[in-house]
Amino acid sequence: MTLQQWGFSFKGRIGRREFWRGTGICFVLIFTLLTLHGMNILPINYAAVGIALLLYPTAAIFSKRLHDRNKRGSWGLLFALAWILLSLDLSTMAPIWQWGIGRFVPTLIFVMMILDCGVFRGTEGANRFGEMAETVDYISANNPAQKRR
C-alpha cells in the first residue's frame, strides 16, 4: 500500500501499527494547529480549515482499520455522534442526565472505538474487505504490486 492509499483511500485493510502511526501523525498535526492558534500565530480560520482537512485522512485510516476488524467503515460515524453529544447544551436536564449523556456516553464511545481499532487483532486471512492487512510503503510512491512484476 502506498502512502497516498494509506492516507486518502477508504479501501483496503491496515494493521494496528499503521493505524497508530496514522492517527498519531494526524493528532500531532491537529495539536500543532491548535497550539499555533493558542499562541496567536495562526488565526482560527486557518486552524479550522487545517483541522477540517486533517479529518479526511483520519477517517480514511479509521475506516481501513475497521475493515481489518471486518466492520464497515461507517462505524467511524460513532465518533461524530460522540462529538455531537459532547457539544450539546444539557443544562436544562437533571445532573445525572447531563453527566450520562454529555460525558459518560461520549467517553464510552471513544474508549470502545480506540480499543476496537488500536488494541484488538484484525481478522485472520481474507474477509469481505480484502486480503490480509497491508503494510505501508512510506518511501516509494509506486504501487508495491507493480514492483513485483
N, C-alpha and C. Protein backbone atom coordinates (compact mmCIF):
# COMPACT_ATOMS: atom_id res chain seq x y z
N MET A 1 0.85 -1.17 0.00
CA MET A 1 0.00 0.00 0.00
C MET A 1 0.90 1.23 0.00
N THR A 2 0.59 2.15 -0.88
CA THR A 2 1.38 3.37 -0.94
C THR A 2 0.94 4.34 0.15
N LEU A 3 1.74 5.36 0.33
CA LEU A 3 1.42 6.38 1.33
C LEU A 3 0.13 7.11 0.98
N GLN A 4 -0.11 7.33 -0.30
CA GLN A 4 -1.33 8.00 -0.74
C GLN A 4 -2.56 7.14 -0.46
N GLN A 5 -2.46 5.84 -0.74
CA GLN A 5 -3.58 4.95 -0.46
C GLN A 5 -3.84 4.87 1.04
N TRP A 6 -2.79 4.88 1.83
CA TRP A 6 -2.90 4.77 3.27
C TRP A 6 -3.66 5.97 3.85
N GLY A 7 -3.33 7.17 3.37
CA GLY A 7 -3.90 8.37 3.96
C GLY A 7 -5.16 8.89 3.31
N PHE A 8 -5.44 8.46 2.07
CA PHE A 8 -6.55 9.10 1.36
C PHE A 8 -7.55 8.14 0.75
N SER A 9 -7.35 6.84 0.89
CA SER A 9 -8.28 5.88 0.33
C SER A 9 -9.07 5.20 1.44
N PHE A 10 -10.32 4.94 1.17
CA PHE A 10 -11.17 4.26 2.15
C PHE A 10 -11.25 2.76 1.87
N LYS A 11 -10.45 2.26 0.94
CA LYS A 11 -10.48 0.85 0.57
C LYS A 11 -9.24 0.15 1.12
N GLY A 12 -9.42 -1.11 1.47
CA GLY A 12 -8.30 -1.90 1.94
C GLY A 12 -8.31 -2.09 3.45
N ARG A 13 -7.23 -2.69 3.92
CA ARG A 13 -7.11 -3.00 5.34
C ARG A 13 -5.72 -2.61 5.82
N ILE A 14 -5.63 -2.12 7.04
CA ILE A 14 -4.33 -1.84 7.65
C ILE A 14 -4.30 -2.46 9.04
N GLY A 15 -3.11 -2.74 9.51
CA GLY A 15 -2.93 -3.32 10.83
C GLY A 15 -2.85 -2.27 11.92
N ARG A 16 -2.60 -2.76 13.12
CA ARG A 16 -2.56 -1.85 14.27
C ARG A 16 -1.40 -0.87 14.19
N ARG A 17 -0.23 -1.31 13.74
CA ARG A 17 0.93 -0.43 13.67
C ARG A 17 0.66 0.76 12.76
N GLU A 18 0.15 0.49 11.56
CA GLU A 18 -0.14 1.58 10.62
C GLU A 18 -1.27 2.47 11.14
N PHE A 19 -2.22 1.86 11.86
CA PHE A 19 -3.30 2.65 12.46
C PHE A 19 -2.74 3.64 13.48
N TRP A 20 -1.89 3.17 14.39
CA TRP A 20 -1.34 4.06 15.42
C TRP A 20 -0.43 5.12 14.83
N ARG A 21 0.33 4.75 13.81
CA ARG A 21 1.18 5.76 13.15
C ARG A 21 0.32 6.85 12.51
N GLY A 22 -0.70 6.44 11.80
CA GLY A 22 -1.56 7.40 11.11
C GLY A 22 -2.32 8.32 12.05
N THR A 23 -2.94 7.72 13.06
CA THR A 23 -3.69 8.56 13.99
C THR A 23 -2.74 9.44 14.81
N GLY A 24 -1.58 8.92 15.12
CA GLY A 24 -0.60 9.73 15.85
C GLY A 24 -0.16 10.94 15.05
N ILE A 25 0.13 10.74 13.78
CA ILE A 25 0.53 11.85 12.92
C ILE A 25 -0.60 12.87 12.79
N CYS A 26 -1.81 12.39 12.57
CA CYS A 26 -2.96 13.31 12.42
C CYS A 26 -3.20 14.11 13.70
N PHE A 27 -3.15 13.45 14.86
CA PHE A 27 -3.41 14.16 16.11
C PHE A 27 -2.27 15.11 16.47
N VAL A 28 -1.03 14.77 16.14
CA VAL A 28 0.07 15.71 16.37
C VAL A 28 -0.10 16.95 15.51
N LEU A 29 -0.51 16.76 14.26
CA LEU A 29 -0.73 17.92 13.39
C LEU A 29 -1.90 18.78 13.88
N ILE A 30 -2.97 18.13 14.33
CA ILE A 30 -4.11 18.89 14.87
C ILE A 30 -3.69 19.64 16.13
N PHE A 31 -2.94 18.99 17.01
CA PHE A 31 -2.46 19.64 18.23
C PHE A 31 -1.54 20.81 17.88
N THR A 32 -0.71 20.66 16.85
CA THR A 32 0.17 21.74 16.42
C THR A 32 -0.63 22.94 15.93
N LEU A 33 -1.66 22.67 15.13
CA LEU A 33 -2.51 23.77 14.65
C LEU A 33 -3.19 24.50 15.80
N LEU A 34 -3.70 23.73 16.76
CA LEU A 34 -4.36 24.36 17.91
C LEU A 34 -3.37 25.13 18.78
N THR A 35 -2.15 24.62 18.90
CA THR A 35 -1.13 25.33 19.67
C THR A 35 -0.73 26.63 18.99
N LEU A 36 -0.55 26.57 17.67
CA LEU A 36 -0.22 27.79 16.93
C LEU A 36 -1.33 28.83 17.05
N HIS A 37 -2.56 28.37 17.04
CA HIS A 37 -3.67 29.30 17.24
C HIS A 37 -3.65 29.87 18.66
N GLY A 38 -3.39 29.03 19.63
CA GLY A 38 -3.35 29.48 21.02
C GLY A 38 -2.24 30.48 21.30
N MET A 39 -1.16 30.40 20.51
CA MET A 39 -0.05 31.34 20.66
C MET A 39 -0.24 32.59 19.80
N ASN A 40 -1.43 32.74 19.20
CA ASN A 40 -1.77 33.87 18.33
C ASN A 40 -0.86 33.98 17.11
N ILE A 41 -0.35 32.85 16.64
CA ILE A 41 0.45 32.83 15.43
C ILE A 41 -0.43 32.53 14.22
N LEU A 42 -1.45 31.71 14.44
CA LEU A 42 -2.32 31.25 13.36
C LEU A 42 -3.76 31.65 13.67
N PRO A 43 -4.41 32.39 12.77
CA PRO A 43 -5.82 32.75 13.01
C PRO A 43 -6.71 31.50 13.07
N ILE A 44 -7.81 31.61 13.78
CA ILE A 44 -8.71 30.48 13.97
C ILE A 44 -9.27 29.96 12.64
N ASN A 45 -9.46 30.85 11.68
CA ASN A 45 -9.98 30.42 10.38
C ASN A 45 -9.04 29.43 9.71
N TYR A 46 -7.75 29.74 9.71
CA TYR A 46 -6.76 28.84 9.10
C TYR A 46 -6.63 27.54 9.88
N ALA A 47 -6.67 27.64 11.20
CA ALA A 47 -6.59 26.44 12.03
C ALA A 47 -7.78 25.53 11.78
N ALA A 48 -8.97 26.11 11.67
CA ALA A 48 -10.17 25.32 11.43
C ALA A 48 -10.12 24.63 10.07
N VAL A 49 -9.63 25.32 9.06
CA VAL A 49 -9.51 24.72 7.73
C VAL A 49 -8.48 23.58 7.77
N GLY A 50 -7.37 23.79 8.45
CA GLY A 50 -6.36 22.75 8.57
C GLY A 50 -6.89 21.53 9.29
N ILE A 51 -7.64 21.73 10.37
CA ILE A 51 -8.21 20.61 11.11
C ILE A 51 -9.25 19.88 10.25
N ALA A 52 -10.07 20.64 9.54
CA ALA A 52 -11.06 20.01 8.66
C ALA A 52 -10.39 19.17 7.58
N LEU A 53 -9.27 19.65 7.04
CA LEU A 53 -8.53 18.89 6.04
C LEU A 53 -7.90 17.63 6.63
N LEU A 54 -7.50 17.68 7.87
CA LEU A 54 -6.89 16.52 8.52
C LEU A 54 -7.92 15.47 8.93
N LEU A 55 -9.18 15.84 8.97
CA LEU A 55 -10.20 14.86 9.32
C LEU A 55 -10.37 13.80 8.23
N TYR A 56 -10.11 14.15 6.98
CA TYR A 56 -10.26 13.19 5.89
C TYR A 56 -9.27 12.03 6.02
N PRO A 57 -7.94 12.28 6.16
CA PRO A 57 -7.04 11.13 6.32
C PRO A 57 -7.29 10.37 7.62
N THR A 58 -7.71 11.06 8.66
CA THR A 58 -8.03 10.36 9.91
C THR A 58 -9.19 9.40 9.69
N ALA A 59 -10.23 9.86 9.00
CA ALA A 59 -11.37 8.99 8.72
C ALA A 59 -10.97 7.82 7.81
N ALA A 60 -10.09 8.07 6.84
CA ALA A 60 -9.64 7.00 5.95
C ALA A 60 -8.86 5.93 6.71
N ILE A 61 -8.02 6.36 7.62
CA ILE A 61 -7.22 5.41 8.41
C ILE A 61 -8.13 4.60 9.34
N PHE A 62 -9.06 5.27 10.01
CA PHE A 62 -10.00 4.55 10.86
C PHE A 62 -10.84 3.57 10.05
N SER A 63 -11.28 3.98 8.87
CA SER A 63 -12.11 3.12 8.04
C SER A 63 -11.35 1.86 7.63
N LYS A 64 -10.10 2.01 7.22
CA LYS A 64 -9.33 0.83 6.83
C LYS A 64 -9.05 -0.08 8.02
N ARG A 65 -8.87 0.50 9.18
CA ARG A 65 -8.65 -0.33 10.37
C ARG A 65 -9.93 -1.08 10.74
N LEU A 66 -11.07 -0.43 10.63
CA LEU A 66 -12.34 -1.11 10.87
C LEU A 66 -12.55 -2.22 9.84
N HIS A 67 -12.12 -2.01 8.61
CA HIS A 67 -12.21 -3.06 7.60
C HIS A 67 -11.38 -4.27 8.02
N ASP A 68 -10.22 -4.02 8.63
CA ASP A 68 -9.40 -5.13 9.09
C ASP A 68 -10.09 -5.91 10.20
N ARG A 69 -10.94 -5.25 10.95
CA ARG A 69 -11.71 -5.90 12.01
C ARG A 69 -13.01 -6.50 11.47
N ASN A 70 -13.18 -6.46 10.12
CA ASN A 70 -14.35 -6.98 9.42
C ASN A 70 -15.62 -6.20 9.78
N LYS A 71 -15.46 -4.89 9.89
CA LYS A 71 -16.60 -3.99 10.16
C LYS A 71 -16.62 -2.92 9.08
N ARG A 72 -17.80 -2.41 8.82
CA ARG A 72 -17.93 -1.33 7.85
C ARG A 72 -17.27 -0.06 8.39
N GLY A 73 -16.74 0.73 7.47
CA GLY A 73 -16.11 1.99 7.85
C GLY A 73 -17.10 2.98 8.43
N SER A 74 -18.38 2.79 8.16
CA SER A 74 -19.39 3.71 8.69
C SER A 74 -19.50 3.63 10.21
N TRP A 75 -18.92 2.59 10.83
CA TRP A 75 -18.89 2.56 12.29
C TRP A 75 -18.10 3.75 12.84
N GLY A 76 -17.25 4.32 12.03
CA GLY A 76 -16.49 5.50 12.44
C GLY A 76 -17.37 6.71 12.71
N LEU A 77 -18.60 6.68 12.21
CA LEU A 77 -19.54 7.78 12.47
C LEU A 77 -19.91 7.87 13.96
N LEU A 78 -19.59 6.82 14.71
CA LEU A 78 -19.81 6.90 16.16
C LEU A 78 -18.99 8.03 16.77
N PHE A 79 -17.82 8.32 16.17
CA PHE A 79 -17.02 9.45 16.66
C PHE A 79 -17.78 10.76 16.48
N ALA A 80 -18.46 10.91 15.35
CA ALA A 80 -19.27 12.11 15.12
C ALA A 80 -20.38 12.20 16.16
N LEU A 81 -21.02 11.08 16.46
CA LEU A 81 -22.06 11.07 17.49
C LEU A 81 -21.49 11.49 18.84
N ALA A 82 -20.31 10.99 19.17
CA ALA A 82 -19.70 11.35 20.46
C ALA A 82 -19.40 12.85 20.52
N TRP A 83 -18.88 13.43 19.43
CA TRP A 83 -18.60 14.87 19.42
C TRP A 83 -19.88 15.69 19.50
N ILE A 84 -20.94 15.22 18.86
CA ILE A 84 -22.22 15.92 18.94
C ILE A 84 -22.75 15.89 20.38
N LEU A 85 -22.67 14.73 21.02
CA LEU A 85 -23.13 14.63 22.42
C LEU A 85 -22.31 15.52 23.34
N LEU A 86 -21.01 15.62 23.08
CA LEU A 86 -20.16 16.49 23.90
C LEU A 86 -20.51 17.96 23.72
N SER A 87 -20.99 18.33 22.54
CA SER A 87 -21.25 19.74 22.27
C SER A 87 -22.66 20.19 22.64
N LEU A 88 -23.53 19.27 23.02
CA LEU A 88 -24.90 19.64 23.37
C LEU A 88 -24.95 20.44 24.66
N ASP A 89 -25.89 21.35 24.73
CA ASP A 89 -26.16 22.09 25.97
C ASP A 89 -27.24 21.33 26.73
N LEU A 90 -26.82 20.63 27.76
CA LEU A 90 -27.74 19.80 28.53
C LEU A 90 -28.07 20.42 29.88
N SER A 91 -27.90 21.72 30.01
CA SER A 91 -28.09 22.37 31.31
C SER A 91 -29.53 22.33 31.80
N THR A 92 -30.49 22.09 30.94
CA THR A 92 -31.89 22.03 31.38
C THR A 92 -32.26 20.66 31.92
N MET A 93 -31.37 19.69 31.78
CA MET A 93 -31.67 18.34 32.25
C MET A 93 -31.16 18.15 33.67
N ALA A 94 -31.62 17.08 34.30
CA ALA A 94 -31.14 16.73 35.63
C ALA A 94 -29.64 16.43 35.57
N PRO A 95 -28.91 16.67 36.66
CA PRO A 95 -27.45 16.46 36.65
C PRO A 95 -27.02 15.05 36.23
N ILE A 96 -27.79 14.03 36.63
CA ILE A 96 -27.40 12.68 36.25
C ILE A 96 -27.47 12.48 34.74
N TRP A 97 -28.45 13.11 34.07
CA TRP A 97 -28.57 13.01 32.63
C TRP A 97 -27.51 13.86 31.94
N GLN A 98 -27.17 15.00 32.54
CA GLN A 98 -26.09 15.82 31.99
C GLN A 98 -24.80 15.01 31.95
N TRP A 99 -24.53 14.33 33.07
CA TRP A 99 -23.31 13.52 33.14
C TRP A 99 -23.41 12.31 32.21
N GLY A 100 -24.53 11.62 32.22
CA GLY A 100 -24.67 10.40 31.44
C GLY A 100 -24.61 10.63 29.95
N ILE A 101 -25.40 11.59 29.46
CA ILE A 101 -25.46 11.85 28.02
C ILE A 101 -24.29 12.72 27.56
N GLY A 102 -23.93 13.67 28.39
CA GLY A 102 -22.91 14.64 27.98
C GLY A 102 -21.49 14.20 28.20
N ARG A 103 -21.25 13.27 29.13
CA ARG A 103 -19.87 12.86 29.42
C ARG A 103 -19.65 11.35 29.32
N PHE A 104 -20.51 10.56 29.95
CA PHE A 104 -20.27 9.13 30.02
C PHE A 104 -20.40 8.45 28.66
N VAL A 105 -21.48 8.69 27.94
CA VAL A 105 -21.69 8.04 26.64
C VAL A 105 -20.60 8.41 25.64
N PRO A 106 -20.24 9.70 25.48
CA PRO A 106 -19.14 10.01 24.55
C PRO A 106 -17.81 9.37 24.96
N THR A 107 -17.52 9.37 26.24
CA THR A 107 -16.28 8.74 26.71
C THR A 107 -16.31 7.25 26.42
N LEU A 108 -17.44 6.61 26.66
CA LEU A 108 -17.58 5.18 26.37
C LEU A 108 -17.36 4.90 24.88
N ILE A 109 -17.93 5.74 24.03
CA ILE A 109 -17.76 5.57 22.58
C ILE A 109 -16.29 5.71 22.21
N PHE A 110 -15.62 6.75 22.69
CA PHE A 110 -14.20 6.96 22.38
C PHE A 110 -13.36 5.77 22.84
N VAL A 111 -13.56 5.33 24.06
CA VAL A 111 -12.76 4.23 24.60
C VAL A 111 -13.00 2.94 23.82
N MET A 112 -14.25 2.63 23.53
CA MET A 112 -14.56 1.39 22.81
C MET A 112 -14.00 1.42 21.39
N MET A 113 -14.08 2.56 20.72
CA MET A 113 -13.55 2.64 19.35
C MET A 113 -12.03 2.55 19.33
N ILE A 114 -11.37 3.19 20.29
CA ILE A 114 -9.91 3.12 20.35
C ILE A 114 -9.47 1.70 20.69
N LEU A 115 -10.17 1.05 21.62
CA LEU A 115 -9.84 -0.34 21.93
C LEU A 115 -10.07 -1.23 20.72
N ASP A 116 -11.19 -1.06 20.06
CA ASP A 116 -11.52 -1.89 18.92
C ASP A 116 -10.51 -1.72 17.79
N CYS A 117 -10.13 -0.50 17.49
CA CYS A 117 -9.22 -0.25 16.38
C CYS A 117 -7.75 -0.41 16.75
N GLY A 118 -7.39 -0.01 17.95
CA GLY A 118 -5.98 0.06 18.30
C GLY A 118 -5.43 -1.09 19.09
N VAL A 119 -6.28 -1.91 19.68
CA VAL A 119 -5.78 -2.98 20.54
C VAL A 119 -6.10 -4.37 19.99
N PHE A 120 -7.32 -4.58 19.57
CA PHE A 120 -7.75 -5.91 19.14
C PHE A 120 -7.17 -6.25 17.77
N ARG A 121 -6.88 -7.53 17.59
CA ARG A 121 -6.33 -8.01 16.32
C ARG A 121 -7.38 -7.95 15.21
N GLY A 122 -6.88 -7.85 14.00
CA GLY A 122 -7.75 -7.88 12.85
C GLY A 122 -8.15 -9.31 12.49
N THR A 123 -9.00 -9.43 11.51
CA THR A 123 -9.45 -10.72 11.05
C THR A 123 -8.29 -11.45 10.37
N GLU A 124 -8.08 -12.69 10.73
CA GLU A 124 -7.04 -13.50 10.09
C GLU A 124 -7.50 -13.89 8.69
N GLY A 125 -6.61 -13.79 7.74
CA GLY A 125 -6.94 -14.17 6.37
C GLY A 125 -7.82 -13.13 5.69
N ALA A 126 -8.40 -13.55 4.59
CA ALA A 126 -9.25 -12.64 3.82
C ALA A 126 -10.60 -12.46 4.49
N ASN A 127 -11.15 -11.26 4.34
CA ASN A 127 -12.53 -11.01 4.77
C ASN A 127 -13.23 -10.26 3.64
N ARG A 128 -14.40 -9.75 3.88
CA ARG A 128 -15.17 -9.13 2.80
C ARG A 128 -14.57 -7.82 2.31
N PHE A 129 -13.54 -7.31 2.99
CA PHE A 129 -12.92 -6.06 2.58
C PHE A 129 -11.56 -6.26 1.92
N GLY A 130 -11.16 -7.50 1.73
CA GLY A 130 -9.91 -7.75 1.03
C GLY A 130 -9.06 -8.81 1.71
N GLU A 131 -7.85 -8.92 1.20
CA GLU A 131 -6.90 -9.89 1.74
C GLU A 131 -6.36 -9.37 3.08
N MET A 132 -5.31 -9.98 3.54
CA MET A 132 -4.70 -9.60 4.82
C MET A 132 -4.36 -8.10 4.84
N ALA A 133 -4.22 -7.57 6.04
CA ALA A 133 -3.85 -6.17 6.20
C ALA A 133 -2.51 -5.92 5.52
N GLU A 134 -2.42 -4.80 4.84
CA GLU A 134 -1.22 -4.48 4.08
C GLU A 134 -0.30 -3.57 4.88
N THR A 135 0.99 -3.73 4.64
CA THR A 135 1.95 -2.79 5.22
C THR A 135 2.05 -1.58 4.31
N VAL A 136 2.46 -0.48 4.87
CA VAL A 136 2.53 0.77 4.12
C VAL A 136 3.97 1.00 3.67
N ASP A 137 4.14 1.30 2.39
CA ASP A 137 5.44 1.67 1.85
C ASP A 137 5.56 3.18 1.98
N TYR A 138 6.26 3.65 3.02
CA TYR A 138 6.33 5.07 3.32
C TYR A 138 7.28 5.83 2.40
N ILE A 139 8.13 5.14 1.69
CA ILE A 139 9.17 5.81 0.90
C ILE A 139 8.77 5.95 -0.56
N SER A 140 8.33 4.88 -1.16
CA SER A 140 8.05 4.87 -2.58
C SER A 140 6.63 5.33 -2.87
N ALA A 141 6.45 6.06 -3.96
CA ALA A 141 5.11 6.47 -4.38
C ALA A 141 4.52 5.46 -5.35
N ASN A 142 5.31 4.43 -5.71
CA ASN A 142 4.83 3.41 -6.64
C ASN A 142 4.05 2.36 -5.90
N ASN A 143 3.17 1.70 -6.62
CA ASN A 143 2.38 0.61 -6.05
C ASN A 143 3.30 -0.61 -5.87
N PRO A 144 3.35 -1.23 -4.65
CA PRO A 144 4.21 -2.39 -4.43
C PRO A 144 3.89 -3.55 -5.36
N ALA A 145 2.66 -3.67 -5.83
CA ALA A 145 2.31 -4.75 -6.74
C ALA A 145 3.01 -4.58 -8.07
N GLN A 146 3.26 -3.33 -8.47
CA GLN A 146 3.95 -3.08 -9.73
C GLN A 146 5.43 -3.42 -9.63
N LYS A 147 6.02 -3.35 -8.46
CA LYS A 147 7.43 -3.66 -8.27
C LYS A 147 7.71 -5.14 -8.47
N ARG A 148 6.75 -5.99 -8.12
CA ARG A 148 6.96 -7.42 -8.18
C ARG A 148 6.95 -7.96 -9.61
N ARG A 149 6.46 -7.20 -10.56
CA ARG A 149 6.34 -7.68 -11.95
C ARG A 149 7.66 -7.71 -12.64
